[in-house]
């Protein structure tokens, strides 16, 4: 049986990048320990010169290739995370939420 791929949705824009990276590493570790393959937007679209639209396009493409999406705390205050949530809803992806799942 293959492992499920889980996209990590976390606020990035306007946040301290060191804190975002630390959060991504922590969540990836938790997911790996639970038997999932984590997919971080920081790995999907690492180019600092890419536009917001380019980042989001790559992120949504990666999300659609995953089995589930893990939404980190405060996702509902991030436009990018809300877009990812809507894509996950439209395409019937399993949704996991920090503080409630795992």
C-alpha atoms as a PDB file:
ATOM      1  CA  UNK A   1       0.000   0.000   0.000  1.00  0.00           C
ATOM      2  CA  UNK A   2       1.434   3.383  -0.962  1.00  0.00           C
ATOM      3  CA  UNK A   3       1.761   6.225   1.497  1.00  0.00           C
ATOM      4  CA  UNK A   4      -0.616   9.163   1.211  1.00  0.00           C
ATOM      5  CA  UNK A   5       0.838  12.479   0.088  1.00  0.00           C
ATOM      6  CA  UNK A   6      -0.273  15.425   2.232  1.00  0.00           C
ATOM      7  CA  UNK A   7       0.088  19.039   1.102  1.00  0.00           C
ATOM      8  CA  UNK A   8       0.901  21.479   3.921  1.00  0.00           C
ATOM      9  CA  UNK A   9      -1.121  24.696   3.780  1.00  0.00           C
ATOM     10  CA  UNK A  10       0.407  27.356   5.992  1.00  0.00           C
ATOM     11  CA  UNK A  11       0.378  31.158   5.999  1.00  0.00           C
ATOM     12  CA  UNK A  12       3.503  32.530   4.298  1.00  0.00           C
ATOM     13  CA  UNK A  13       2.903  36.044   2.932  1.00  0.00           C
ATOM     14  CA  UNK A  14       3.628  38.683   5.563  1.00  0.00           C
ATOM     15  CA  UNK A  15       5.073  36.131   7.993  1.00  0.00           C
ATOM     16  CA  UNK A  16       8.651  35.801   9.231  1.00  0.00           C
ATOM     17  CA  UNK A  17      10.267  33.379   6.763  1.00  0.00           C
ATOM     18  CA  UNK A  18      12.384  31.722   9.463  1.00  0.00           C
ATOM     19  CA  UNK A  19       9.233  30.960  11.462  1.00  0.00           C
ATOM     20  CA  UNK A  20       7.474  29.678   8.333  1.00  0.00           C
ATOM     21  CA  UNK A  21      10.416  27.407   7.509  1.00  0.00           C
ATOM     22  CA  UNK A  22      10.534  26.098  11.091  1.00  0.00           C
ATOM     23  CA  UNK A  23       6.785  25.411  11.022  1.00  0.00           C
ATOM     24  CA  UNK A  24       7.074  23.618   7.679  1.00  0.00           C
ATOM     25  CA  UNK A  25       9.904  21.424   8.981  1.00  0.00           C
ATOM     26  CA  UNK A  26       7.984  20.625  12.174  1.00  0.00           C
ATOM     27  CA  UNK A  27       4.737  19.739  10.374  1.00  0.00           C
ATOM     28  CA  UNK A  28       6.650  17.688   7.787  1.00  0.00           C
ATOM     29  CA  UNK A  29       8.263  15.726  10.606  1.00  0.00           C
ATOM     30  CA  UNK A  30       4.920  15.065  12.306  1.00  0.00           C
ATOM     31  CA  UNK A  31       3.381  13.906   9.024  1.00  0.00           C
ATOM     32  CA  UNK A  32       6.351  11.645   8.247  1.00  0.00           C
ATOM     33  CA  UNK A  33       6.131  10.100  11.724  1.00  0.00           C
ATOM     34  CA  UNK A  34       2.449   9.340  11.025  1.00  0.00           C
ATOM     35  CA  UNK A  35       3.366   7.568   7.783  1.00  0.00           C
ATOM     36  CA  UNK A  36       2.516  10.323   5.299  1.00  0.00           C
ATOM     37  CA  UNK A  37       4.632  11.926   2.581  1.00  0.00           C
ATOM     38  CA  UNK A  38       4.602  15.684   3.300  1.00  0.00           C
ATOM     39  CA  UNK A  39       4.585  18.212   0.465  1.00  0.00           C
ATOM     40  CA  UNK A  40       5.587  21.722   1.534  1.00  0.00           C
ATOM     41  CA  UNK A  41       4.890  24.836  -0.552  1.00  0.00           C
ATOM     42  CA  UNK A  42       8.399  25.984   0.363  1.00  0.00           C
ATOM     43  CA  UNK A  43       9.782  23.016  -1.575  1.00  0.00           C
ATOM     44  CA  UNK A  44       7.242  23.247  -4.394  1.00  0.00           C
ATOM     45  CA  UNK A  45       8.004  26.877  -5.229  1.00  0.00           C
ATOM     46  CA  UNK A  46      11.350  27.914  -3.709  1.00  0.00           C
ATOM     47  CA  UNK A  47      12.141  30.743  -6.184  1.00  0.00           C
ATOM     48  CA  UNK A  48      12.226  34.025  -4.206  1.00  0.00           C
ATOM     49  CA  UNK A  49      11.844  36.014  -7.445  1.00  0.00           C
ATOM     50  CA  UNK A  50       8.625  34.298  -8.532  1.00  0.00           C
ATOM     51  CA  UNK A  51       5.440  36.339  -8.451  1.00  0.00           C
ATOM     52  CA  UNK A  52       2.648  35.571  -5.998  1.00  0.00           C
ATOM     53  CA  UNK A  53       0.576  34.159  -8.873  1.00  0.00           C
ATOM     54  CA  UNK A  54       3.435  31.881  -9.938  1.00  0.00           C
ATOM     55  CA  UNK A  55       3.840  30.584  -6.377  1.00  0.00           C
ATOM     56  CA  UNK A  56       0.117  29.941  -5.994  1.00  0.00           C
ATOM     57  CA  UNK A  57      -0.105  28.229  -9.387  1.00  0.00           C
ATOM     58  CA  UNK A  58       2.669  25.818  -8.429  1.00  0.00           C
ATOM     59  CA  UNK A  59       1.151  25.311  -4.987  1.00  0.00           C
ATOM     60  CA  UNK A  60      -2.310  24.466  -6.325  1.00  0.00           C
ATOM     61  CA  UNK A  61      -0.782  22.075  -8.864  1.00  0.00           C
ATOM     62  CA  UNK A  62       1.105  20.310  -6.044  1.00  0.00           C
ATOM     63  CA  UNK A  63      -2.013  20.237  -3.849  1.00  0.00           C
ATOM     64  CA  UNK A  64      -3.992  18.541  -6.620  1.00  0.00           C
ATOM     65  CA  UNK A  65      -1.338  15.819  -6.844  1.00  0.00           C
ATOM     66  CA  UNK A  66      -1.774  15.034  -3.127  1.00  0.00           C
ATOM     67  CA  UNK A  67      -4.301  12.837  -1.343  1.00  0.00           C
ATOM     68  CA  UNK A  68      -4.998  15.267   1.488  1.00  0.00           C
ATOM     69  CA  UNK A  69      -4.270  18.798   2.717  1.00  0.00           C
ATOM     70  CA  UNK A  70      -3.119  19.722   6.227  1.00  0.00           C
ATOM     71  CA  UNK A  71      -4.160  23.248   7.231  1.00  0.00           C
ATOM     72  CA  UNK A  72      -1.933  24.894   9.825  1.00  0.00           C
ATOM     73  CA  UNK A  73      -3.169  27.238  12.530  1.00  0.00           C
ATOM     74  CA  UNK A  74      -4.524  30.580  11.274  1.00  0.00           C
ATOM     75  CA  UNK A  75      -4.996  29.303   7.721  1.00  0.00           C
ATOM     76  CA  UNK A  76      -8.320  31.146   7.549  1.00  0.00           C
ATOM     77  CA  UNK A  77      -6.518  34.523   7.752  1.00  0.00           C
ATOM     78  CA  UNK A  78      -4.305  33.812   4.727  1.00  0.00           C
ATOM     79  CA  UNK A  79      -5.557  34.449   1.188  1.00  0.00           C
ATOM     80  CA  UNK A  80      -3.262  31.725  -0.148  1.00  0.00           C
ATOM     81  CA  UNK A  81      -4.489  29.181   2.391  1.00  0.00           C
ATOM     82  CA  UNK A  82      -8.109  30.116   1.700  1.00  0.00           C
ATOM     83  CA  UNK A  83      -7.481  29.524  -2.013  1.00  0.00           C
ATOM     84  CA  UNK A  84      -5.905  26.155  -1.179  1.00  0.00           C
ATOM     85  CA  UNK A  85      -8.883  25.310   1.049  1.00  0.00           C
ATOM     86  CA  UNK A  86     -11.310  26.104  -1.749  1.00  0.00           C
ATOM     87  CA  UNK A  87      -9.313  23.984  -4.227  1.00  0.00           C
ATOM     88  CA  UNK A  88      -9.260  21.110  -1.729  1.00  0.00           C
ATOM     89  CA  UNK A  89     -13.032  21.442  -1.237  1.00  0.00           C
ATOM     90  CA  UNK A  90     -13.808  21.603  -4.955  1.00  0.00           C
ATOM     91  CA  UNK A  91     -11.645  18.590  -5.772  1.00  0.00           C
ATOM     92  CA  UNK A  92     -12.753  16.490  -2.803  1.00  0.00           C
ATOM     93  CA  UNK A  93      -9.405  16.288  -1.034  1.00  0.00           C
ATOM     94  CA  UNK A  94      -9.330  15.025   2.530  1.00  0.00           C
ATOM     95  CA  UNK A  95      -8.780  18.018   4.818  1.00  0.00           C
ATOM     96  CA  UNK A  96      -6.870  17.850   8.104  1.00  0.00           C
ATOM     97  CA  UNK A  97      -6.619  20.735  10.552  1.00  0.00           C
ATOM     98  CA  UNK A  98      -3.947  21.591  13.096  1.00  0.00           C
ATOM     99  CA  UNK A  99      -5.281  21.105  16.592  1.00  0.00           C
ATOM    100  CA  UNK A 100      -8.016  18.702  15.459  1.00  0.00           C
ATOM    101  CA  UNK A 101      -6.397  16.017  13.323  1.00  0.00           C
ATOM    102  CA  UNK A 102      -3.217  13.980  13.778  1.00  0.00           C
END
